[in-house]
């Protein structure tokens, strides 16, 4: 989106927020470019604001956007980011930025397995879609009867698997629940929301994790490269006990590290600090 339309939209949004009765104590603004809402006029009735960075809004930002995004990061009263890998990009401009894990509230979901393998991350190059589809080809060749599905996206590749388009969240969770093994992202080195929700409902996950980002490494099978991913998946399909064990361990890890109540308390502490500082 061009700058002027985004700025005008941000100003309109900010004016509506500013007219609310009772007036809000703090704004929580998701997605870095939307920080324009926090800087938009009127300044005479300023509301402190928290800027929440999610990933592709800052990863690989180059060119003319760089200076503008940097100003937005400096202008925010507080900055939080969703995954630990973002610390490098965010904290060079905001050393006080904090990692705020995604709250995951879902529990076990019972469903009959209608597929064996689900490549559940959106088919995007930044998430390693090329490796994912190469692994699916190896799996299909090694196990001709295996039932496979993959999410659509810009980097989707056709093959002997079902293409699944984007759907409402509840439907997507049922897709995860009706799959025996989940393949997550293979490039970013993080546990993204897709993997977290899979783990939360007790599904084993194969992906790639940069363990330096996680002092308590998540219990997924970390595999680098199509061959390693394919071997991990076929190994799990042939080992029901390991499937169940990994599912239980993953759900316990999510409960420990992504408990909504604990994360809410962390966020409330940030809100209280920025409100007190603004007075």
C-alpha atoms as a PDB file:
ATOM      1  CA  UNK A   1       0.000   0.000   0.000  1.00  0.00           C
ATOM      2  CA  UNK A   2       1.283   3.497  -0.833  1.00  0.00           C
ATOM      3  CA  UNK A   3       2.229   5.726   2.086  1.00  0.00           C
ATOM      4  CA  UNK A   4      -0.446   8.431   1.732  1.00  0.00           C
ATOM      5  CA  UNK A   5      -3.508   6.108   1.729  1.00  0.00           C
ATOM      6  CA  UNK A   6      -2.028   4.197   4.680  1.00  0.00           C
ATOM      7  CA  UNK A   7      -1.415   7.440   6.573  1.00  0.00           C
ATOM      8  CA  UNK A   8      -4.936   8.735   5.889  1.00  0.00           C
ATOM      9  CA  UNK A   9      -6.407   5.416   7.026  1.00  0.00           C
ATOM     10  CA  UNK A  10      -4.239   5.492  10.158  1.00  0.00           C
ATOM     11  CA  UNK A  11      -5.342   9.024  10.967  1.00  0.00           C
ATOM     12  CA  UNK A  12      -9.007   8.110  10.521  1.00  0.00           C
ATOM     13  CA  UNK A  13      -8.549   5.119  12.826  1.00  0.00           C
ATOM     14  CA  UNK A  14      -6.743   7.203  15.416  1.00  0.00           C
ATOM     15  CA  UNK A  15      -9.445   9.888  15.414  1.00  0.00           C
ATOM     16  CA  UNK A  16     -12.097   7.235  16.007  1.00  0.00           C
ATOM     17  CA  UNK A  17     -10.071   5.795  18.899  1.00  0.00           C
ATOM     18  CA  UNK A  18      -9.557   9.263  20.332  1.00  0.00           C
ATOM     19  CA  UNK A  19     -13.321   9.888  20.333  1.00  0.00           C
ATOM     20  CA  UNK A  20     -14.161   6.818  22.396  1.00  0.00           C
ATOM     21  CA  UNK A  21     -15.896   7.320  25.724  1.00  0.00           C
ATOM     22  CA  UNK A  22     -14.475   6.299  28.115  1.00  0.00           C
ATOM     23  CA  UNK A  23     -11.174   7.156  26.546  1.00  0.00           C
ATOM     24  CA  UNK A  24      -8.726   4.222  26.315  1.00  0.00           C
ATOM     25  CA  UNK A  25      -5.704   4.213  28.590  1.00  0.00           C
ATOM     26  CA  UNK A  26      -3.436   2.514  26.057  1.00  0.00           C
ATOM     27  CA  UNK A  27      -3.439   1.328  22.446  1.00  0.00           C
ATOM     28  CA  UNK A  28      -2.052  -2.059  21.390  1.00  0.00           C
ATOM     29  CA  UNK A  29      -1.150  -1.804  17.710  1.00  0.00           C
ATOM     30  CA  UNK A  30      -0.424  -4.957  15.723  1.00  0.00           C
ATOM     31  CA  UNK A  31       1.801  -5.002  12.620  1.00  0.00           C
ATOM     32  CA  UNK A  32       4.681  -2.551  12.301  1.00  0.00           C
ATOM     33  CA  UNK A  33       3.321  -0.312   9.475  1.00  0.00           C
ATOM     34  CA  UNK A  34       0.173   0.242  11.540  1.00  0.00           C
ATOM     35  CA  UNK A  35       2.371   2.160  13.967  1.00  0.00           C
ATOM     36  CA  UNK A  36       1.269   5.136  11.902  1.00  0.00           C
ATOM     37  CA  UNK A  37      -1.913   5.013  13.986  1.00  0.00           C
ATOM     38  CA  UNK A  38       0.154   5.774  17.072  1.00  0.00           C
ATOM     39  CA  UNK A  39       1.890   8.747  15.483  1.00  0.00           C
ATOM     40  CA  UNK A  40      -1.165  10.208  13.740  1.00  0.00           C
ATOM     41  CA  UNK A  41      -2.703  13.470  14.916  1.00  0.00           C
ATOM     42  CA  UNK A  42      -4.081  14.847  17.179  1.00  0.00           C
ATOM     43  CA  UNK A  43      -1.045  15.040  19.457  1.00  0.00           C
ATOM     44  CA  UNK A  44      -2.842  17.145  22.058  1.00  0.00           C
ATOM     45  CA  UNK A  45      -4.740  14.115  23.327  1.00  0.00           C
ATOM     46  CA  UNK A  46      -2.001  11.536  23.000  1.00  0.00           C
ATOM     47  CA  UNK A  47      -2.703   7.925  24.037  1.00  0.00           C
ATOM     48  CA  UNK A  48       0.342   5.798  24.917  1.00  0.00           C
ATOM     49  CA  UNK A  49       0.781   2.820  22.610  1.00  0.00           C
ATOM     50  CA  UNK A  50       2.437  -0.574  22.354  1.00  0.00           C
ATOM     51  CA  UNK A  51       3.677  -1.722  18.949  1.00  0.00           C
ATOM     52  CA  UNK A  52       3.467  -5.480  18.339  1.00  0.00           C
ATOM     53  CA  UNK A  53       5.822  -6.944  15.693  1.00  0.00           C
ATOM     54  CA  UNK A  54       4.843 -10.290  14.176  1.00  0.00           C
ATOM     55  CA  UNK A  55       7.488 -11.324  11.645  1.00  0.00           C
ATOM     56  CA  UNK A  56       7.173 -10.556   7.967  1.00  0.00           C
ATOM     57  CA  UNK A  57       6.423  -6.934   8.890  1.00  0.00           C
ATOM     58  CA  UNK A  58      10.123  -6.553   9.760  1.00  0.00           C
ATOM     59  CA  UNK A  59      12.005  -9.525   8.311  1.00  0.00           C
ATOM     60  CA  UNK A  60      14.052  -8.445   5.345  1.00  0.00           C
ATOM     61  CA  UNK A  61      12.798  -4.840   5.319  1.00  0.00           C
ATOM     62  CA  UNK A  62      14.928  -2.852   2.894  1.00  0.00           C
ATOM     63  CA  UNK A  63      14.974   0.404   0.959  1.00  0.00           C
ATOM     64  CA  UNK A  64      12.796   3.432   1.673  1.00  0.00           C
ATOM     65  CA  UNK A  65      10.675   1.591   4.255  1.00  0.00           C
ATOM     66  CA  UNK A  66      13.652   1.066   6.544  1.00  0.00           C
ATOM     67  CA  UNK A  67      13.912   4.679   7.764  1.00  0.00           C
ATOM     68  CA  UNK A  68      10.153   5.013   8.234  1.00  0.00           C
ATOM     69  CA  UNK A  69       9.816   1.758  10.152  1.00  0.00           C
ATOM     70  CA  UNK A  70      12.738   2.716  12.355  1.00  0.00           C
ATOM     71  CA  UNK A  71      10.978   5.963  13.281  1.00  0.00           C
ATOM     72  CA  UNK A  72       7.815   4.055  14.192  1.00  0.00           C
ATOM     73  CA  UNK A  73       9.800   1.720  16.443  1.00  0.00           C
ATOM     74  CA  UNK A  74      11.384   4.688  18.224  1.00  0.00           C
ATOM     75  CA  UNK A  75       8.031   6.482  18.584  1.00  0.00           C
ATOM     76  CA  UNK A  76       6.211   3.609  20.330  1.00  0.00           C
ATOM     77  CA  UNK A  77       5.991   3.706  24.119  1.00  0.00           C
ATOM     78  CA  UNK A  78       6.835  -0.002  24.185  1.00  0.00           C
ATOM     79  CA  UNK A  79       7.618  -2.652  21.591  1.00  0.00           C
ATOM     80  CA  UNK A  80       6.920  -6.386  21.775  1.00  0.00           C
ATOM     81  CA  UNK A  81       7.683  -9.123  19.258  1.00  0.00           C
ATOM     82  CA  UNK A  82       6.050 -12.515  18.753  1.00  0.00           C
ATOM     83  CA  UNK A  83       8.947 -14.918  18.082  1.00  0.00           C
ATOM     84  CA  UNK A  84      12.461 -14.930  19.555  1.00  0.00           C
ATOM     85  CA  UNK A  85      14.241 -14.763  16.183  1.00  0.00           C
ATOM     86  CA  UNK A  86      12.936 -11.212  15.717  1.00  0.00           C
ATOM     87  CA  UNK A  87      15.108  -9.917  18.545  1.00  0.00           C
ATOM     88  CA  UNK A  88      18.016  -9.317  16.146  1.00  0.00           C
ATOM     89  CA  UNK A  89      15.942  -7.109  13.840  1.00  0.00           C
ATOM     90  CA  UNK A  90      13.934  -5.292  16.512  1.00  0.00           C
ATOM     91  CA  UNK A  91      16.392  -4.732  19.339  1.00  0.00           C
ATOM     92  CA  UNK A  92      19.007  -3.023  17.175  1.00  0.00           C
ATOM     93  CA  UNK A  93      16.533  -0.116  17.073  1.00  0.00           C
ATOM     94  CA  UNK A  94      14.656  -0.742  20.320  1.00  0.00           C
ATOM     95  CA  UNK A  95      16.972  -2.464  22.843  1.00  0.00           C
ATOM     96  CA  UNK A  96      14.126  -2.442  25.382  1.00  0.00           C
ATOM     97  CA  UNK A  97      11.775  -4.464  23.129  1.00  0.00           C
ATOM     98  CA  UNK A  98      10.413  -7.620  24.765  1.00  0.00           C
ATOM     99  CA  UNK A  99       9.521 -11.057  23.464  1.00  0.00           C
ATOM    100  CA  UNK A 100       5.807 -11.702  24.067  1.00  0.00           C
ATOM    101  CA  UNK A 101       4.966 -15.347  23.264  1.00  0.00           C
ATOM    102  CA  UNK A 102       1.714 -16.076  21.470  1.00  0.00           C
ATOM    103  CA  UNK A 103      -1.001 -17.221  23.907  1.00  0.00           C
ATOM    104  CA  UNK A 104      -2.340 -20.649  22.967  1.00  0.00           C
ATOM    105  CA  UNK A 105      -5.643 -21.523  24.629  1.00  0.00           C
ATOM    106  CA  UNK A 106      -6.795 -24.615  22.724  1.00  0.00           C
ATOM    107  CA  UNK A 107      -6.648 -28.097  24.237  1.00  0.00           C
ATOM    108  CA  UNK A 108      -7.072 -31.629  22.910  1.00  0.00           C
ATOM    109  CA  UNK A 109      -9.351 -32.014  19.880  1.00  0.00           C
ATOM    110  CA  UNK A 110     -10.626 -35.481  19.041  1.00  0.00           C
ATOM    111  CA  UNK A 111     -10.923 -36.323  15.362  1.00  0.00           C
ATOM    112  CA  UNK A 112     -10.566 -39.319  13.088  1.00  0.00           C
ATOM    113  CA  UNK A 113      -7.404 -39.238  10.980  1.00  0.00           C
ATOM    114  CA  UNK A 114      -8.289 -38.504   7.359  1.00  0.00           C
ATOM    115  CA  UNK A 115      -4.693 -37.857   6.302  1.00  0.00           C
ATOM    116  CA  UNK A 116      -1.305 -39.125   7.404  1.00  0.00           C
ATOM    117  CA  UNK A 117       0.799 -36.042   6.691  1.00  0.00           C
ATOM    118  CA  UNK A 118      -0.193 -32.385   6.602  1.00  0.00           C
ATOM    119  CA  UNK A 119       2.312 -29.715   5.534  1.00  0.00           C
ATOM    120  CA  UNK A 120       0.430 -27.104   7.529  1.00  0.00           C
ATOM    121  CA  UNK A 121       2.485 -23.946   7.056  1.00  0.00           C
ATOM    122  CA  UNK A 122       1.412 -21.643   4.249  1.00  0.00           C
ATOM    123  CA  UNK A 123       3.370 -22.463   1.097  1.00  0.00           C
ATOM    124  CA  UNK A 124       5.739 -19.499   1.212  1.00  0.00           C
ATOM    125  CA  UNK A 125       9.409 -19.346   0.296  1.00  0.00           C
ATOM    126  CA  UNK A 126      10.296 -17.648   3.579  1.00  0.00           C
ATOM    127  CA  UNK A 127       8.937 -20.706   5.425  1.00  0.00           C
ATOM    128  CA  UNK A 128      10.928 -23.188   3.345  1.00  0.00           C
ATOM    129  CA  UNK A 129       8.159 -24.352   1.006  1.00  0.00           C
ATOM    130  CA  UNK A 130      10.682 -25.683  -1.508  1.00  0.00           C
ATOM    131  CA  UNK A 131      12.123 -28.062   1.106  1.00  0.00           C
ATOM    132  CA  UNK A 132       8.661 -29.027   2.297  1.00  0.00           C
ATOM    133  CA  UNK A 133       7.451 -30.093  -1.158  1.00  0.00           C
ATOM    134  CA  UNK A 134      10.718 -31.871  -1.900  1.00  0.00           C
ATOM    135  CA  UNK A 135      10.207 -33.825   1.334  1.00  0.00           C
ATOM    136  CA  UNK A 136       6.597 -34.627   0.393  1.00  0.00           C
ATOM    137  CA  UNK A 137       7.794 -36.110  -2.898  1.00  0.00           C
ATOM    138  CA  UNK A 138      10.250 -38.323  -1.050  1.00  0.00           C
ATOM    139  CA  UNK A 139       7.517 -39.408   1.389  1.00  0.00           C
ATOM    140  CA  UNK A 140       5.077 -40.197  -1.414  1.00  0.00           C
ATOM    141  CA  UNK A 141       7.749 -42.235  -3.219  1.00  0.00           C
ATOM    142  CA  UNK A 142       8.706 -44.183  -0.090  1.00  0.00           C
ATOM    143  CA  UNK A 143       5.114 -44.757   1.072  1.00  0.00           C
ATOM    144  CA  UNK A 144       2.848 -44.859  -2.018  1.00  0.00           C
ATOM    145  CA  UNK A 145      -0.332 -45.296   0.026  1.00  0.00           C
ATOM    146  CA  UNK A 146       0.281 -42.374   2.374  1.00  0.00           C
ATOM    147  CA  UNK A 147      -2.404 -39.692   2.513  1.00  0.00           C
ATOM    148  CA  UNK A 148      -0.869 -36.223   2.185  1.00  0.00           C
ATOM    149  CA  UNK A 149      -2.188 -32.655   2.174  1.00  0.00           C
ATOM    150  CA  UNK A 150      -0.443 -29.304   1.927  1.00  0.00           C
ATOM    151  CA  UNK A 151      -1.522 -25.732   2.478  1.00  0.00           C
ATOM    152  CA  UNK A 152      -1.734 -23.437  -0.505  1.00  0.00           C
ATOM    153  CA  UNK A 153       0.330 -20.299  -0.981  1.00  0.00           C
ATOM    154  CA  UNK A 154       2.482 -18.455  -3.474  1.00  0.00           C
ATOM    155  CA  UNK A 155       5.105 -21.224  -3.520  1.00  0.00           C
ATOM    156  CA  UNK A 156       2.688 -24.179  -3.717  1.00  0.00           C
ATOM    157  CA  UNK A 157       3.850 -27.091  -5.875  1.00  0.00           C
ATOM    158  CA  UNK A 158       1.460 -29.649  -7.354  1.00  0.00           C
ATOM    159  CA  UNK A 159       2.050 -33.305  -6.621  1.00  0.00           C
ATOM    160  CA  UNK A 160       0.400 -36.471  -5.297  1.00  0.00           C
ATOM    161  CA  UNK A 161      -1.247 -34.605  -2.425  1.00  0.00           C
ATOM    162  CA  UNK A 162      -4.354 -32.582  -1.677  1.00  0.00           C
ATOM    163  CA  UNK A 163      -4.155 -28.802  -1.864  1.00  0.00           C
ATOM    164  CA  UNK A 164      -5.935 -27.112   1.041  1.00  0.00           C
ATOM    165  CA  UNK A 165      -6.881 -23.450   0.849  1.00  0.00           C
ATOM    166  CA  UNK A 166      -7.087 -21.021   3.753  1.00  0.00           C
ATOM    167  CA  UNK A 167     -10.147 -21.458   5.981  1.00  0.00           C
ATOM    168  CA  UNK A 168     -11.612 -20.179   9.229  1.00  0.00           C
ATOM    169  CA  UNK A 169      -9.525 -20.892  12.326  1.00  0.00           C
ATOM    170  CA  UNK A 170     -11.851 -23.533  13.812  1.00  0.00           C
ATOM    171  CA  UNK A 171     -11.833 -25.443  10.533  1.00  0.00           C
ATOM    172  CA  UNK A 172      -8.051 -25.243  10.344  1.00  0.00           C
ATOM    173  CA  UNK A 173      -7.726 -26.671  13.867  1.00  0.00           C
ATOM    174  CA  UNK A 174      -9.920 -29.605  12.836  1.00  0.00           C
ATOM    175  CA  UNK A 175      -7.612 -30.162   9.874  1.00  0.00           C
ATOM    176  CA  UNK A 176      -4.677 -30.368  12.241  1.00  0.00           C
ATOM    177  CA  UNK A 177      -6.567 -32.734  14.513  1.00  0.00           C
ATOM    178  CA  UNK A 178      -7.450 -35.067  11.653  1.00  0.00           C
ATOM    179  CA  UNK A 179      -3.800 -35.429  10.592  1.00  0.00           C
ATOM    180  CA  UNK A 180      -1.328 -37.908  12.064  1.00  0.00           C
ATOM    181  CA  UNK A 181       1.899 -35.921  11.504  1.00  0.00           C
ATOM    182  CA  UNK A 182       2.329 -32.181  10.959  1.00  0.00           C
ATOM    183  CA  UNK A 183       5.153 -30.660   8.933  1.00  0.00           C
ATOM    184  CA  UNK A 184       5.850 -27.082  10.009  1.00  0.00           C
ATOM    185  CA  UNK A 185       8.111 -24.347   8.682  1.00  0.00           C
ATOM    186  CA  UNK A 186      11.600 -25.434   7.630  1.00  0.00           C
ATOM    187  CA  UNK A 187      13.525 -22.183   7.303  1.00  0.00           C
ATOM    188  CA  UNK A 188      12.853 -19.656  10.066  1.00  0.00           C
ATOM    189  CA  UNK A 189      14.106 -21.767  12.957  1.00  0.00           C
ATOM    190  CA  UNK A 190      11.130 -20.921  15.180  1.00  0.00           C
ATOM    191  CA  UNK A 191       8.005 -22.559  16.538  1.00  0.00           C
ATOM    192  CA  UNK A 192       5.309 -20.591  14.726  1.00  0.00           C
ATOM    193  CA  UNK A 193       1.621 -20.518  15.632  1.00  0.00           C
ATOM    194  CA  UNK A 194       0.831 -23.436  13.298  1.00  0.00           C
ATOM    195  CA  UNK A 195       3.317 -25.642  15.138  1.00  0.00           C
ATOM    196  CA  UNK A 196       2.186 -24.381  18.534  1.00  0.00           C
ATOM    197  CA  UNK A 197      -1.468 -25.133  17.829  1.00  0.00           C
ATOM    198  CA  UNK A 198      -0.539 -28.563  16.478  1.00  0.00           C
ATOM    199  CA  UNK A 199       1.415 -29.319  19.642  1.00  0.00           C
ATOM    200  CA  UNK A 200      -1.366 -27.948  21.848  1.00  0.00           C
ATOM    201  CA  UNK A 201      -3.837 -30.497  20.471  1.00  0.00           C
ATOM    202  CA  UNK A 202      -1.335 -33.319  20.865  1.00  0.00           C
ATOM    203  CA  UNK A 203      -0.044 -33.663  17.308  1.00  0.00           C
ATOM    204  CA  UNK A 204       3.610 -34.544  16.605  1.00  0.00           C
ATOM    205  CA  UNK A 205       5.470 -31.927  14.593  1.00  0.00           C
ATOM    206  CA  UNK A 206       8.433 -32.158  12.244  1.00  0.00           C
ATOM    207  CA  UNK A 207      10.096 -28.841  11.421  1.00  0.00           C
ATOM    208  CA  UNK A 208      13.361 -27.004  11.841  1.00  0.00           C
ATOM    209  CA  UNK A 209      14.284 -25.273  15.087  1.00  0.00           C
ATOM    210  CA  UNK A 210      17.282 -23.094  15.823  1.00  0.00           C
ATOM    211  CA  UNK A 211      17.803 -24.356  19.368  1.00  0.00           C
ATOM    212  CA  UNK A 212      19.883 -21.292  20.250  1.00  0.00           C
ATOM    213  CA  UNK A 213      16.583 -19.381  20.299  1.00  0.00           C
ATOM    214  CA  UNK A 214      14.999 -21.688  22.885  1.00  0.00           C
ATOM    215  CA  UNK A 215      16.706 -22.366  26.229  1.00  0.00           C
ATOM    216  CA  UNK A 216      14.053 -25.059  26.751  1.00  0.00           C
ATOM    217  CA  UNK A 217      13.915 -26.614  23.292  1.00  0.00           C
ATOM    218  CA  UNK A 218      10.394 -27.487  22.079  1.00  0.00           C
ATOM    219  CA  UNK A 219       9.756 -31.235  21.692  1.00  0.00           C
ATOM    220  CA  UNK A 220       9.420 -31.379  17.947  1.00  0.00           C
ATOM    221  CA  UNK A 221      11.572 -33.386  15.569  1.00  0.00           C
ATOM    222  CA  UNK A 222      13.966 -30.812  14.159  1.00  0.00           C
ATOM    223  CA  UNK A 223      15.075 -31.757  10.668  1.00  0.00           C
ATOM    224  CA  UNK A 224      17.127 -29.791   8.166  1.00  0.00           C
ATOM    225  CA  UNK A 225      16.682 -30.608   4.492  1.00  0.00           C
ATOM    226  CA  UNK A 226      14.094 -32.647   2.545  1.00  0.00           C
ATOM    227  CA  UNK A 227      15.709 -36.047   3.131  1.00  0.00           C
ATOM    228  CA  UNK A 228      15.879 -35.576   6.917  1.00  0.00           C
ATOM    229  CA  UNK A 229      12.284 -34.346   7.015  1.00  0.00           C
ATOM    230  CA  UNK A 230      11.052 -37.300   4.950  1.00  0.00           C
ATOM    231  CA  UNK A 231      12.923 -39.789   7.150  1.00  0.00           C
ATOM    232  CA  UNK A 232      11.530 -38.220  10.312  1.00  0.00           C
ATOM    233  CA  UNK A 233       7.954 -38.308   9.000  1.00  0.00           C
ATOM    234  CA  UNK A 234       8.062 -41.889   7.719  1.00  0.00           C
ATOM    235  CA  UNK A 235       9.712 -42.964  10.973  1.00  0.00           C
ATOM    236  CA  UNK A 236       6.874 -41.439  12.989  1.00  0.00           C
ATOM    237  CA  UNK A 237       4.198 -43.009  10.779  1.00  0.00           C
ATOM    238  CA  UNK A 238       5.666 -46.404  11.571  1.00  0.00           C
ATOM    239  CA  UNK A 239       5.913 -45.820  15.325  1.00  0.00           C
ATOM    240  CA  UNK A 240       2.510 -45.224  16.990  1.00  0.00           C
ATOM    241  CA  UNK A 241       4.086 -45.121  20.463  1.00  0.00           C
ATOM    242  CA  UNK A 242       6.468 -42.328  19.436  1.00  0.00           C
ATOM    243  CA  UNK A 243       3.582 -40.467  17.789  1.00  0.00           C
ATOM    244  CA  UNK A 244       1.646 -40.464  21.041  1.00  0.00           C
ATOM    245  CA  UNK A 245       4.663 -39.656  23.210  1.00  0.00           C
ATOM    246  CA  UNK A 246       5.665 -36.673  21.096  1.00  0.00           C
ATOM    247  CA  UNK A 247       2.072 -35.435  21.132  1.00  0.00           C
ATOM    248  CA  UNK A 248       1.905 -35.506  24.932  1.00  0.00           C
ATOM    249  CA  UNK A 249       5.298 -33.810  25.312  1.00  0.00           C
ATOM    250  CA  UNK A 250       4.374 -31.079  22.838  1.00  0.00           C
ATOM    251  CA  UNK A 251       1.100 -30.284  24.587  1.00  0.00           C
ATOM    252  CA  UNK A 252       2.887 -30.030  27.954  1.00  0.00           C
ATOM    253  CA  UNK A 253       5.526 -27.684  26.488  1.00  0.00           C
ATOM    254  CA  UNK A 254       2.873 -25.358  25.062  1.00  0.00           C
ATOM    255  CA  UNK A 255       1.041 -25.258  28.396  1.00  0.00           C
ATOM    256  CA  UNK A 256       4.286 -24.259  30.117  1.00  0.00           C
ATOM    257  CA  UNK A 257       5.550 -21.632  27.681  1.00  0.00           C
ATOM    258  CA  UNK A 258       2.382 -20.252  26.065  1.00  0.00           C
ATOM    259  CA  UNK A 259      -0.095 -20.156  28.931  1.00  0.00           C
ATOM    260  CA  UNK A 260      -2.550 -17.306  28.175  1.00  0.00           C
ATOM    261  CA  UNK A 261      -2.889 -16.211  31.809  1.00  0.00           C
ATOM    262  CA  UNK A 262       0.869 -15.839  32.290  1.00  0.00           C
ATOM    263  CA  UNK A 263       1.239 -13.944  29.008  1.00  0.00           C
ATOM    264  CA  UNK A 264      -1.688 -11.685  29.924  1.00  0.00           C
ATOM    265  CA  UNK A 265       0.066 -10.762  33.168  1.00  0.00           C
ATOM    266  CA  UNK A 266       3.247  -9.957  31.240  1.00  0.00           C
ATOM    267  CA  UNK A 267       1.279  -7.729  28.883  1.00  0.00           C
ATOM    268  CA  UNK A 268      -0.587  -5.996  31.719  1.00  0.00           C
ATOM    269  CA  UNK A 269       2.748  -5.130  33.329  1.00  0.00           C
ATOM    270  CA  UNK A 270       3.830  -3.489  30.061  1.00  0.00           C
ATOM    271  CA  UNK A 271       0.553  -1.550  29.855  1.00  0.00           C
ATOM    272  CA  UNK A 272       0.888  -0.306  33.431  1.00  0.00           C
ATOM    273  CA  UNK A 273       4.452   0.841  32.801  1.00  0.00           C
ATOM    274  CA  UNK A 274       3.673   2.839  29.655  1.00  0.00           C
ATOM    275  CA  UNK A 275       0.590   4.416  31.248  1.00  0.00           C
ATOM    276  CA  UNK A 276       2.578   5.451  34.322  1.00  0.00           C
ATOM    277  CA  UNK A 277       5.413   6.831  32.184  1.00  0.00           C
ATOM    278  CA  UNK A 278       3.002   8.851  30.027  1.00  0.00           C
ATOM    279  CA  UNK A 279       1.486  10.659  33.012  1.00  0.00           C
END
